[in-house]
Structures are given as structure tokens and as C-alpha cells.
Amino acid sequence: MAEHDLCITIIPYLDRHLAFPLLARLVETGLFPIEEVSAAQYELAKGTNMVDYAVSLFQQIHPDEEVPAEYDDKRQSAVSRHEKLQQEAQAVLDVIENPDVAQALRQDKLQNLAYLKDNYNLTLEQITALYNFGQFQYSYGNYSGAADYLYHFRVLSTDNDLNISAHWGKLACDILTGKWEIALEELNSLREAIDSRPHSALLSAAAASANAPIPVPEPALAQLHSRTWLVHWSLFIYFNHPQGRTLLLETFLTPSYLNTIQTSCPWALRYLAAAAILSRKASSATSNPQAPISSRVRNAIREVVKVIQMEEYQYSDPMTSFLKELYIEFDFEGAQRELKRAEKVVSDDFFLGEYHDEFLDNARYLISEAYCRIHQTIDIGDLSERLNLSKDEGEKWIVNLIRETRMGADAKIDLEKNVIHINRPPQPIYQTVIEKTRGLALRSQALGAAVPRTGGNAPNAPGAGASSQQNAPPAVAVN
């Protein structure tokens, strides 16, 4: 299943430190030769100040060769630079950690800078020492220390570009230390900054240290790049935070981020589909009324399937194919086949691996839901086979499903005949008409706005020809 692994695709959108966990996962899965993965780890480590780690990787790859002397020089240079930056940063920390200074600081950063300059001769350039030292600590793997220095820098700094860069650095530190609640707050704050400030500075300093340099683009393109990076970085949080899958749907299905995925990273559809599948059973259950489910999450499967169908020409894998076979082709045998392949993809995926059992449970629920929707009498053995379960396992699973979800109101099990009877009251004809005509008024209004109006002429009259129609909004947008 190596052809479906996304690590190589995702790593170019990560800081090199965030890429190390993905490569470590590849070592465990064995999808690629260990020599190639170790070589990739070494190439990333060479660009950091983690000299000892780089040396250990070099010895692992080249056991019969001596360690290059350049690493001794690099180690000495790193030590001396660390001491210098620490002295500069500590001079600033000694001031701002003074209880009297802490009480005097206010929300206004300009006022704080004026106060620090007048009373302690601290300038913005000296405060930047906190950023430099935090960045250096991050480069040699002290993520907790880097997070503290970057936080203090952002409290005082008025440099918008460096503040955004510190945002990215602090987010990476929180991810690498596993502080998911704090990381989620940092992610939301950074997302607000990106959405409100379309400027090239939104690209992080981490981007400059990635595998390939990124040219300075136009503001709108820079905003697209920043959102693309944020989509990839957010996967660490959304698949580790307790409410992460729901939050992923809330974020990725917004127009701006869905457009980003379709434009820049269609492979993120795997994680959008996975989140929709993992959230489906919870959104259908009624056992926990204290946790309200938004309409976007309840309708996530429907929205995701539409996007999958639209973007199939760009990206497809067993995860997206499973939803396609089930909801577009209505091919239960095809869905059963793709579910077997998707199970392996989930097991090997860095972000989805720990959700293997939950994914299978929810995917089987989707098959059961779709199957029961078009049948009134269902043979339990046949349904169990479509769920890739034995007859006994399938019977237990189906009984638990009916008990735990709202399907229990419509389904009754006949254990003697080993069948399920689905009893759905017919929908009133008035309700059917209402559902069919619900969007007609809005569609008519949109179509009316799309029709070119020139004086009193009809659309096909002179003055409303091809030239004017080309400037009208496409009618397909309201279909």
C-alpha cells in the first residue's frame, strides 16, 4: 500500500521538525526500505542544530566511515551561539519578569514599549533577542523552552511579521510537546490572523527552513499558501484533540478552506473523509444530548461526497473510493471491497492509525444505514458478509448498532428467521412537496439575477447578445 502513503506528499508543507515523527512512523510500518527513510531523516537533521542526532544517523547509514569533522565545528559553533543568545535574552527576561514591571505592563504594546524604554532602556531590537533565542532553541530540539521565549516575545513585540513567524514557531512547539489544548488555541489564533491579513509575511520562518525555498508571492497567493500550510499542520491537532474530528469538519468545510483543499492539496480529502466517517455514528446517536452536533457535522457525509465526486480527477484513494461506491454508485460489493483496502490505509497512515477500530465501526454503520434505507427485510447473514464480518460477529454487531442508535426506532430483529424488519411510516405527501420545493424560491431569485437585463429587452433581444451573456454569472452555479 506504499502508493497510498501521503508522508512524502505532506512533508514539503511541514517544518522539518514536524516531519521527523512522520518518518519515524514510516520506519514502523515498513512501507519503504529502512535505508531510504534513514537517509531522509539524516537530510532533515543536517539542517538543524541537533548535531548529536545527525551524527547518530550518519553512523547508522555509514557504519564503516568516520564522522565528518564539520560536525565538531558545528557543535562548537552551536554552543558559543547558544551562550551569546542566552545572555541577550536573559537580560530582557530579567526585566519583564520583575514583579513591578509585570504590574506596570498593559494591553497596549506601544505603551509597554515606551515604558520599558524610558525606565529600563529596553528597545524593540533587544526584545527581538527573545525571538532569536527561541528560534535557536527550537532548532536544537528544546521545544518547551522555545515556546516560552516565543510567547514572551509576542506579548511585547509590535513587529507584525516576526509575530506571525513566532505564531508558527509556538504552534510547532505545542504540537511537538503534545499540548493539544494549547495547540488548538494557537491554531485558532493563527487562523484568524491568516484570514484577516492576506500578506506574504504570513508564510512562516519555518517555511524558509523547509526542503525548498518559497518565493514571495502576491498577497492573495500568500494567503492561499498560508492556509495550505495550516491545513497540514492542523492535522496533528485535529487527530489528537478529543473533539478534533468535529473541529476538522467545522474548519475544512468552510468555503475558504474547502477551496484551499481543492486548489492546493486535494489529498487532504482523505482526512476530511475520515473525519466525516468517524463523526457519523456519533452525530446519529441520541445518547448524549449534552454534546450538540452542528448541522455541518450532521450533513458532513453529504458535503464530502459531493467534493469527492467533483475532485476525483485530481485525487482518489481507498478512503474516498469507499464513500464514492457507497453513496454515488450505490455499489455495496464495491464498498465492501474498498473498505478492505481502506482498512489497510488507515492502519499505515500517521494520523489515522490509532482510529483503526473506530473507523471500521463507523464505516460499517454507514453501510448498514445505506443498506437499511433501501430494504425493508434484511437477511442478517447477508448484511454481515457485506460488513466483512462472520455471521456470529455480524449478528452481535447489528444488535448493538440498533440498540445504540436511532435505527432502533425503525428496526426490529426476528431471531427465528434471522432477519431485520425495517418499519418506516410513509412520509406525508405535503412534507414531500415541501422538501422538493424548499429551494425553488432561492434558485429562481439566483437565476433571475443571472439573466442579463438591458432595458426592457428580452434575454435574446438585441442588446442582450453573446457579449453581455459572457459577463453574467454562470447559471450552473445555482444548479
Protein backbone atom coordinates (compact mmCIF):
# COMPACT_ATOMS: atom_id res chain seq x y z
CA MET A 1 0.00 0.00 0.00
CA ALA A 2 3.01 2.30 -0.33
CA GLU A 3 1.38 4.06 -3.28
CA HIS A 4 -1.29 5.38 -0.93
CA ASP A 5 1.10 6.72 1.71
CA LEU A 6 0.93 10.53 1.97
CA CYS A 7 4.03 11.23 4.06
CA ILE A 8 6.13 12.19 1.05
CA THR A 9 3.31 14.44 -0.16
CA ILE A 10 2.71 16.11 3.21
CA ILE A 11 6.31 16.68 4.38
CA PRO A 12 7.05 19.60 1.98
CA TYR A 13 4.28 21.56 3.77
CA LEU A 14 5.74 20.97 7.26
CA ASP A 15 8.62 22.36 9.22
CA ARG A 16 11.46 19.84 9.23
CA HIS A 17 10.97 19.16 12.96
CA LEU A 18 7.33 18.22 12.34
CA ALA A 19 8.49 15.83 9.61
CA PHE A 20 10.56 13.68 12.00
CA PRO A 21 7.51 11.94 13.57
CA LEU A 22 6.18 11.05 10.12
CA LEU A 23 9.49 9.49 9.11
CA ALA A 24 9.63 7.59 12.39
CA ARG A 25 6.20 6.18 11.57
CA LEU A 26 7.48 5.01 8.18
CA VAL A 27 10.18 3.05 9.99
CA GLU A 28 7.46 1.25 11.98
CA THR A 29 5.17 0.49 9.03
CA GLY A 30 7.97 -0.75 6.76
CA LEU A 31 6.29 0.68 3.67
CA PHE A 32 9.66 1.90 2.39
CA PRO A 33 13.19 0.48 2.75
CA ILE A 34 14.70 1.47 6.09
CA GLU A 35 17.81 2.78 4.32
CA GLU A 36 15.77 5.32 2.36
CA VAL A 37 13.90 6.51 5.44
CA SER A 38 17.13 6.88 7.43
CA ALA A 39 18.67 8.86 4.58
CA ALA A 40 15.65 11.19 4.60
CA GLN A 41 15.94 11.63 8.37
CA TYR A 42 19.61 12.47 8.01
CA GLU A 43 18.99 15.06 5.29
CA LEU A 44 16.46 16.80 7.54
CA ALA A 45 18.64 16.61 10.65
CA LYS A 46 21.60 18.21 8.85
CA GLY A 47 19.64 21.46 8.59
CA THR A 48 19.12 21.73 12.36
CA ASN A 49 21.38 22.26 15.37
CA MET A 50 20.64 18.74 16.63
CA VAL A 51 24.23 17.77 15.93
CA ASP A 52 24.33 14.60 18.02
CA TYR A 53 21.17 13.30 16.36
CA ALA A 54 22.60 13.98 12.90
CA VAL A 55 25.84 12.20 13.86
CA SER A 56 23.93 9.14 15.10
CA LEU A 57 22.01 8.98 11.82
CA PHE A 58 25.24 9.32 9.83
CA GLN A 59 26.78 6.42 11.76
CA GLN A 60 23.66 4.36 11.16
CA ILE A 61 23.79 4.98 7.41
CA HIS A 62 27.59 4.78 7.06
CA PRO A 63 28.79 2.40 9.81
CA ASP A 64 32.23 1.99 8.23
CA GLU A 65 33.02 5.67 7.73
CA GLU A 66 34.36 8.28 10.11
CA VAL A 67 32.12 11.14 11.19
CA PRO A 68 33.00 14.27 9.17
CA ALA A 69 35.00 16.85 11.11
CA GLU A 70 32.50 19.53 10.17
CA TYR A 71 30.19 18.25 12.91
CA ASP A 72 32.74 19.13 15.60
CA ASP A 73 32.94 22.66 14.24
CA LYS A 74 29.17 22.86 14.05
CA ARG A 75 28.82 21.66 17.64
CA GLN A 76 31.27 24.26 18.94
CA SER A 77 29.60 26.99 16.91
CA ALA A 78 26.20 26.00 18.27
CA VAL A 79 27.43 26.08 21.86
CA SER A 80 29.00 29.52 21.52
CA ARG A 81 25.95 30.94 19.73
CA HIS A 82 23.68 29.47 22.38
CA GLU A 83 25.62 31.20 25.17
CA LYS A 84 25.54 34.53 23.36
CA LEU A 85 21.82 34.42 22.59
CA GLN A 86 21.01 33.25 26.09
CA GLN A 87 22.79 36.21 27.63
CA GLU A 88 20.94 38.64 25.37
CA ALA A 89 17.56 37.05 26.03
CA GLN A 90 18.12 36.72 29.77
CA ALA A 91 18.80 40.44 30.05
CA VAL A 92 15.32 41.08 28.66
CA LEU A 93 13.67 38.37 30.76
CA ASP A 94 15.19 39.75 33.97
CA VAL A 95 13.36 42.99 33.29
CA ILE A 96 9.95 41.71 32.22
CA GLU A 97 9.83 39.05 34.96
CA ASN A 98 10.34 41.73 37.60
CA PRO A 99 7.07 41.86 39.64
CA ASP A 100 6.98 45.66 39.47
CA VAL A 101 7.35 45.59 35.68
CA ALA A 102 4.74 42.86 35.33
CA GLN A 103 2.21 45.00 37.21
CA ALA A 104 3.02 48.07 35.12
CA LEU A 105 2.51 46.37 31.75
CA ARG A 106 -0.80 46.94 29.98
CA GLN A 107 -2.62 45.61 26.91
CA ASP A 108 -1.26 48.38 24.71
CA LYS A 109 2.06 47.15 23.30
CA LEU A 110 3.20 50.62 22.22
CA GLN A 111 2.62 51.91 25.73
CA ASN A 112 4.55 48.96 27.15
CA LEU A 113 7.50 49.60 24.82
CA ALA A 114 7.59 53.24 25.80
CA TYR A 115 7.51 52.30 29.49
CA LEU A 116 10.33 49.73 29.10
CA LYS A 117 12.45 52.15 27.09
CA ASP A 118 12.02 55.05 29.50
CA ASN A 119 12.59 53.04 32.67
CA TYR A 120 14.86 50.17 31.62
CA ASN A 121 16.35 51.24 28.28
CA LEU A 122 14.81 48.24 26.52
CA THR A 123 14.25 48.67 22.79
CA LEU A 124 12.38 46.61 20.23
CA GLU A 125 15.72 45.33 18.92
CA GLN A 126 16.61 43.99 22.35
CA ILE A 127 13.19 42.36 22.71
CA THR A 128 13.86 40.61 19.41
CA ALA A 129 16.57 38.70 21.29
CA LEU A 130 13.76 36.63 22.79
CA TYR A 131 12.66 35.63 19.29
CA ASN A 132 16.20 34.79 18.18
CA PHE A 133 16.90 32.66 21.25
CA GLY A 134 13.53 30.92 20.98
CA GLN A 135 14.20 30.13 17.34
CA PHE A 136 17.65 28.79 18.21
CA GLN A 137 16.32 26.59 20.99
CA TYR A 138 13.74 25.21 18.60
CA SER A 139 16.48 24.38 16.10
CA TYR A 140 18.21 22.03 18.55
CA GLY A 141 15.05 20.40 19.87
CA ASN A 142 14.28 22.24 23.12
CA TYR A 143 10.64 22.82 22.21
CA SER A 144 9.34 23.69 25.68
CA GLY A 145 11.99 26.37 26.16
CA ALA A 146 11.41 27.73 22.67
CA ALA A 147 7.66 28.00 23.34
CA ASP A 148 8.27 30.10 26.47
CA TYR A 149 10.62 32.56 24.75
CA LEU A 150 8.40 32.92 21.69
CA TYR A 151 5.40 33.55 23.94
CA HIS A 152 7.19 36.32 25.86
CA PHE A 153 8.34 37.85 22.59
CA ARG A 154 4.79 38.02 21.21
CA VAL A 155 3.50 39.67 24.37
CA LEU A 156 5.81 42.66 23.84
CA SER A 157 6.68 42.83 20.14
CA THR A 158 4.97 45.20 17.71
CA ASP A 159 6.73 43.69 14.68
CA ASN A 160 3.81 42.07 12.84
CA ASP A 161 5.98 39.94 10.57
CA LEU A 162 8.02 38.46 13.43
CA ASN A 163 4.86 37.99 15.48
CA ILE A 164 3.36 35.84 12.73
CA SER A 165 6.60 33.87 12.48
CA ALA A 166 6.57 33.39 16.26
CA HIS A 167 2.96 32.21 15.93
CA TRP A 168 4.07 29.40 13.62
CA GLY A 169 7.01 28.54 15.86
CA LYS A 170 4.88 28.45 19.01
CA LEU A 171 2.31 26.25 17.23
CA ALA A 172 5.04 23.80 16.18
CA CYS A 173 6.39 23.69 19.75
CA ASP A 174 2.94 22.94 21.19
CA ILE A 175 2.42 20.17 18.64
CA LEU A 176 5.79 18.55 19.28
CA THR A 177 5.27 18.64 23.06
CA GLY A 178 1.76 17.22 22.78
CA LYS A 179 -0.04 20.15 24.46
CA TRP A 180 -3.18 19.77 22.38
CA GLU A 181 -5.45 22.22 24.17
CA ILE A 182 -2.86 24.98 23.96
CA ALA A 183 -2.04 23.99 20.38
CA LEU A 184 -5.72 24.26 19.42
CA GLU A 185 -5.90 27.79 20.85
CA GLU A 186 -2.72 28.70 18.96
CA LEU A 187 -4.12 27.19 15.76
CA ASN A 188 -7.36 29.17 16.01
CA SER A 189 -5.45 32.37 16.73
CA LEU A 190 -3.15 31.82 13.76
CA ARG A 191 -6.09 31.00 11.50
CA GLU A 192 -7.75 34.30 12.45
CA ALA A 193 -4.52 36.14 11.66
CA ILE A 194 -4.26 34.45 8.26
CA ASP A 195 -7.89 35.11 7.34
CA SER A 196 -7.68 38.77 8.34
CA ARG A 197 -4.21 39.60 6.96
CA PRO A 198 -3.51 38.38 3.41
CA HIS A 199 0.15 39.33 3.32
CA SER A 200 3.29 37.49 2.26
CA ALA A 201 4.61 37.68 5.82
CA LEU A 202 2.07 35.06 6.80
CA LEU A 203 4.42 32.43 5.46
CA SER A 204 6.35 31.23 8.48
CA ALA A 205 10.03 31.42 9.15
CA ALA A 206 9.75 27.66 9.29
CA ALA A 207 8.84 27.74 5.60
CA ALA A 208 12.22 29.22 4.82
CA SER A 209 13.91 26.31 6.59
CA ALA A 210 11.88 23.67 4.76
CA ASN A 211 13.13 21.50 1.93
CA ALA A 212 12.64 24.11 -0.79
CA PRO A 213 12.71 27.92 -0.65
CA ILE A 214 9.39 29.62 -1.27
CA PRO A 215 9.37 32.84 -3.34
CA VAL A 216 7.48 35.83 -2.02
CA PRO A 217 4.09 35.69 -3.75
CA GLU A 218 1.24 38.13 -4.19
CA PRO A 219 -0.89 38.77 -1.07
CA ALA A 220 -3.82 36.60 -2.17
CA LEU A 221 -1.49 33.80 -3.22
CA ALA A 222 0.42 34.15 0.06
CA GLN A 223 -2.84 33.74 1.93
CA LEU A 224 -3.56 30.58 -0.07
CA HIS A 225 -0.08 29.24 0.74
CA SER A 226 -0.54 30.00 4.42
CA ARG A 227 -3.89 28.25 4.53
CA THR A 228 -2.36 25.27 2.76
CA TRP A 229 0.36 25.04 5.40
CA LEU A 230 -2.22 25.46 8.14
CA VAL A 231 -4.32 22.60 6.74
CA HIS A 232 -1.34 20.24 7.05
CA TRP A 233 -0.17 21.44 10.46
CA SER A 234 -3.71 21.26 11.85
CA LEU A 235 -3.88 17.51 11.16
CA PHE A 236 -1.58 16.91 14.15
CA ILE A 237 -4.06 18.67 16.41
CA TYR A 238 -7.35 17.52 14.92
CA PHE A 239 -6.40 13.84 15.17
CA ASN A 240 -5.13 14.11 18.74
CA HIS A 241 -7.57 16.51 20.39
CA PRO A 242 -10.71 14.84 21.86
CA GLN A 243 -13.05 16.98 19.73
CA GLY A 244 -10.61 17.25 16.85
CA ARG A 245 -12.57 15.35 14.20
CA THR A 246 -15.63 17.54 14.68
CA LEU A 247 -13.47 20.67 14.65
CA LEU A 248 -11.78 19.49 11.47
CA LEU A 249 -15.15 19.25 9.73
CA GLU A 250 -16.15 22.69 11.00
CA THR A 251 -12.93 24.18 9.60
CA PHE A 252 -12.31 22.26 6.38
CA LEU A 253 -15.89 22.55 5.16
CA THR A 254 -15.90 26.35 5.35
CA PRO A 255 -15.74 27.84 1.84
CA SER A 256 -12.26 29.34 2.21
CA TYR A 257 -10.57 26.15 3.43
CA LEU A 258 -12.55 23.83 1.17
CA ASN A 259 -11.40 25.99 -1.73
CA THR A 260 -7.83 25.74 -0.41
CA ILE A 261 -8.04 21.94 -0.34
CA GLN A 262 -9.49 21.76 -3.83
CA THR A 263 -6.89 24.19 -5.20
CA SER A 264 -3.67 23.30 -3.40
CA CYS A 265 -3.92 19.99 -1.54
CA PRO A 266 -6.67 17.64 -2.76
CA TRP A 267 -5.01 14.78 -0.85
CA ALA A 268 -6.40 16.35 2.33
CA LEU A 269 -9.74 14.89 1.19
CA ARG A 270 -8.58 11.64 2.81
CA TYR A 271 -8.63 13.27 6.23
CA LEU A 272 -11.83 15.16 5.51
CA ALA A 273 -13.48 11.87 4.52
CA ALA A 274 -12.02 10.10 7.56
CA ALA A 275 -13.31 12.80 9.92
CA ALA A 276 -16.78 12.61 8.35
CA ILE A 277 -16.82 8.82 8.74
CA LEU A 278 -15.52 8.93 12.32
CA SER A 279 -18.14 11.52 13.29
CA ARG A 280 -21.11 9.93 11.54
CA LYS A 281 -22.19 7.42 14.17
CA ALA A 282 -21.83 9.97 16.98
CA SER A 283 -23.92 12.51 15.07
CA SER A 284 -26.67 9.92 14.52
CA ALA A 285 -26.80 8.71 18.14
CA THR A 286 -29.13 10.32 20.65
CA SER A 287 -27.47 9.04 23.80
CA ASN A 288 -25.55 12.23 24.55
CA PRO A 289 -27.81 15.28 24.21
CA GLN A 290 -25.28 17.35 26.19
CA ALA A 291 -22.94 17.41 23.19
CA PRO A 292 -24.81 19.30 20.46
CA ILE A 293 -23.87 18.45 16.88
CA SER A 294 -23.86 21.25 14.32
CA SER A 295 -25.76 20.90 11.05
CA ARG A 296 -22.45 20.99 9.20
CA VAL A 297 -21.28 17.87 11.05
CA ARG A 298 -24.65 16.13 10.63
CA ASN A 299 -24.55 16.75 6.89
CA ALA A 300 -20.80 16.26 6.55
CA ILE A 301 -21.03 12.97 4.65
CA ARG A 302 -23.30 14.54 2.03
CA GLU A 303 -20.99 17.53 1.54
CA VAL A 304 -17.82 15.44 1.50
CA VAL A 305 -19.26 13.02 -1.07
CA LYS A 306 -20.05 15.94 -3.38
CA VAL A 307 -16.48 17.20 -3.13
CA ILE A 308 -15.05 13.71 -3.66
CA GLN A 309 -17.12 13.32 -6.81
CA MET A 310 -16.03 16.75 -8.03
CA GLU A 311 -12.31 16.24 -7.33
CA GLU A 312 -11.99 12.60 -8.36
CA TYR A 313 -9.94 13.63 -11.38
CA GLN A 314 -7.31 15.10 -9.03
CA TYR A 315 -7.23 12.64 -6.16
CA SER A 316 -8.64 9.25 -5.23
CA ASP A 317 -7.68 6.60 -2.68
CA PRO A 318 -9.49 3.68 -0.96
CA MET A 319 -10.96 6.06 1.63
CA THR A 320 -12.60 8.36 -0.89
CA SER A 321 -13.47 5.40 -3.17
CA PHE A 322 -15.35 3.76 -0.30
CA LEU A 323 -17.67 6.77 0.01
CA LYS A 324 -17.99 7.02 -3.76
CA GLU A 325 -19.04 3.38 -4.14
CA LEU A 326 -21.49 3.63 -1.25
CA TYR A 327 -23.16 6.99 -1.93
CA ILE A 328 -22.63 7.68 -5.64
CA GLU A 329 -22.55 4.27 -7.30
CA PHE A 330 -24.70 2.53 -4.64
CA ASP A 331 -22.48 -0.50 -5.17
CA PHE A 332 -22.39 -2.42 -1.88
CA GLU A 333 -19.97 -5.02 -3.20
CA GLY A 334 -17.67 -2.25 -4.36
CA ALA A 335 -17.98 -0.53 -0.98
CA GLN A 336 -17.13 -3.82 0.73
CA ARG A 337 -14.03 -4.20 -1.46
CA GLU A 338 -12.87 -0.61 -0.91
CA LEU A 339 -13.44 -0.89 2.84
CA LYS A 340 -10.92 -3.76 2.98
CA ARG A 341 -8.35 -1.59 1.20
CA ALA A 342 -9.20 1.48 3.29
CA GLU A 343 -8.66 -0.54 6.47
CA LYS A 344 -5.02 -1.08 5.48
CA VAL A 345 -4.60 2.58 4.52
CA VAL A 346 -5.91 3.67 7.93
CA SER A 347 -3.56 1.29 9.74
CA ASP A 348 -0.50 2.69 7.94
CA ASP A 349 -1.46 6.36 7.99
CA PHE A 350 0.40 8.51 10.53
CA PHE A 351 -2.67 10.49 11.58
CA LEU A 352 -5.32 7.76 11.34
CA GLY A 353 -3.52 4.70 12.70
CA GLU A 354 -4.96 4.82 16.21
CA TYR A 355 -8.51 5.18 14.85
CA HIS A 356 -8.47 1.84 13.05
CA ASP A 357 -11.17 0.14 15.12
CA GLU A 358 -13.32 3.26 15.39
CA PHE A 359 -13.08 3.80 11.65
CA LEU A 360 -14.22 0.24 10.90
CA ASP A 361 -17.12 0.55 13.32
CA ASN A 362 -18.32 3.81 11.75
CA ALA A 363 -17.78 2.59 8.18
CA ARG A 364 -19.87 -0.49 8.90
CA TYR A 365 -22.53 1.79 10.33
CA LEU A 366 -22.58 3.75 7.07
CA ILE A 367 -23.03 0.55 5.05
CA SER A 368 -25.79 -0.64 7.39
CA GLU A 369 -27.53 2.73 7.24
CA ALA A 370 -27.45 2.86 3.43
CA TYR A 371 -28.47 -0.80 3.11
CA CYS A 372 -31.38 -0.47 5.52
CA ARG A 373 -32.57 2.65 3.76
CA ILE A 374 -33.42 0.75 0.57
CA HIS A 375 -34.58 -2.57 2.06
CA GLN A 376 -37.49 -3.48 4.29
CA THR A 377 -36.46 -7.05 5.12
CA ILE A 378 -32.75 -7.76 5.54
CA ASP A 379 -31.04 -11.09 5.99
CA ILE A 380 -28.55 -10.72 8.87
CA GLY A 381 -26.13 -13.18 7.26
CA ASP A 382 -26.10 -11.24 4.00
CA LEU A 383 -25.58 -7.92 5.76
CA SER A 384 -22.80 -9.42 7.90
CA GLU A 385 -21.00 -10.52 4.74
CA ARG A 386 -21.21 -7.02 3.31
CA LEU A 387 -19.70 -5.71 6.56
CA ASN A 388 -16.75 -8.12 6.28
CA LEU A 389 -17.91 -9.92 9.46
CA SER A 390 -18.70 -13.53 10.25
CA LYS A 391 -22.34 -14.46 10.83
CA ASP A 392 -21.98 -14.51 14.64
CA GLU A 393 -19.90 -11.32 14.74
CA GLY A 394 -22.32 -9.61 12.39
CA GLU A 395 -25.34 -10.57 14.48
CA LYS A 396 -23.76 -9.15 17.65
CA TRP A 397 -22.63 -6.02 15.87
CA ILE A 398 -26.05 -5.37 14.29
CA VAL A 399 -27.86 -5.89 17.61
CA ASN A 400 -25.54 -3.39 19.33
CA LEU A 401 -25.95 -0.94 16.46
CA ILE A 402 -29.75 -0.98 16.65
CA ARG A 403 -29.60 -0.60 20.42
CA GLU A 404 -27.15 2.34 20.40
CA THR A 405 -28.51 4.43 17.53
CA ARG A 406 -31.81 5.85 16.41
CA MET A 407 -32.18 2.96 13.95
CA GLY A 408 -33.78 1.10 16.86
CA ALA A 409 -37.00 3.07 16.41
CA ASP A 410 -37.43 1.68 12.88
CA ALA A 411 -35.78 -1.76 13.03
CA LYS A 412 -36.94 -5.00 14.67
CA ILE A 413 -34.94 -8.22 14.73
CA ASP A 414 -36.59 -11.59 14.10
CA LEU A 415 -34.09 -14.04 15.57
CA GLU A 416 -36.08 -17.07 14.44
CA LYS A 417 -35.87 -16.11 10.77
CA ASN A 418 -32.55 -14.28 11.33
CA VAL A 419 -33.80 -11.17 9.56
CA ILE A 420 -34.29 -7.47 10.32
CA HIS A 421 -37.61 -5.82 9.56
CA ILE A 422 -37.47 -2.09 8.77
CA ASN A 423 -40.73 -0.30 9.53
CA ARG A 424 -40.77 3.28 8.31
CA PRO A 425 -44.00 5.26 8.30
CA PRO A 426 -44.63 6.80 4.87
CA GLN A 427 -43.76 10.46 4.59
CA PRO A 428 -46.84 12.70 4.19
CA ILE A 429 -47.32 13.93 0.66
CA TYR A 430 -47.34 17.54 1.89
CA GLN A 431 -43.93 17.08 3.51
CA THR A 432 -42.61 15.57 0.28
CA VAL A 433 -43.80 18.60 -1.71
CA ILE A 434 -42.25 20.96 0.83
CA GLU A 435 -38.89 19.18 0.64
CA LYS A 436 -38.91 19.23 -3.16
CA THR A 437 -39.82 22.91 -3.43
CA ARG A 438 -37.82 24.23 -0.46
CA GLY A 439 -35.10 25.80 -2.58
CA LEU A 440 -37.15 26.89 -5.58
CA ALA A 441 -37.58 30.49 -4.43
CA LEU A 442 -33.85 30.92 -3.84
CA ARG A 443 -32.98 29.25 -7.13
CA SER A 444 -35.47 31.40 -9.03
CA GLN A 445 -34.01 34.54 -7.48
CA ALA A 446 -30.47 33.46 -8.38
CA LEU A 447 -31.47 32.63 -11.94
CA GLY A 448 -33.22 35.98 -12.27
CA ALA A 449 -30.07 37.76 -11.14
CA ALA A 450 -28.04 35.77 -13.66
CA VAL A 451 -30.22 36.75 -16.61
CA PRO A 452 -28.83 39.92 -18.27
CA ARG A 453 -31.30 42.78 -18.12
CA THR A 454 -30.90 45.51 -20.69
CA GLY A 455 -33.76 47.97 -20.60
CA GLY A 456 -36.99 46.19 -21.44
CA ASN A 457 -35.44 43.76 -23.89
CA ALA A 458 -35.87 40.03 -23.53
CA PRO A 459 -32.73 37.96 -22.97
CA ASN A 460 -32.50 37.04 -26.64
CA ALA A 461 -33.33 40.50 -27.93
CA PRO A 462 -30.72 42.79 -29.48
CA GLY A 463 -28.53 44.28 -26.78
CA ALA A 464 -28.57 41.09 -24.76
CA GLY A 465 -26.44 39.01 -27.05
CA ALA A 466 -23.41 36.85 -26.51
CA SER A 467 -21.18 39.67 -25.31
CA SER A 468 -23.45 40.59 -22.41
CA GLN A 469 -24.13 36.95 -21.54
CA GLN A 470 -20.44 36.26 -21.17
CA ASN A 471 -20.27 38.71 -18.26
CA ALA A 472 -23.23 37.18 -16.44
CA PRO A 473 -22.70 34.72 -13.56
CA PRO A 474 -22.83 31.14 -14.84
CA ALA A 475 -26.24 29.55 -14.38
CA VAL A 476 -24.59 26.29 -13.34
CA ALA A 477 -23.68 27.95 -10.03
CA VAL A 478 -27.26 27.65 -8.84
CA ASN A 479 -27.97 24.12 -10.06
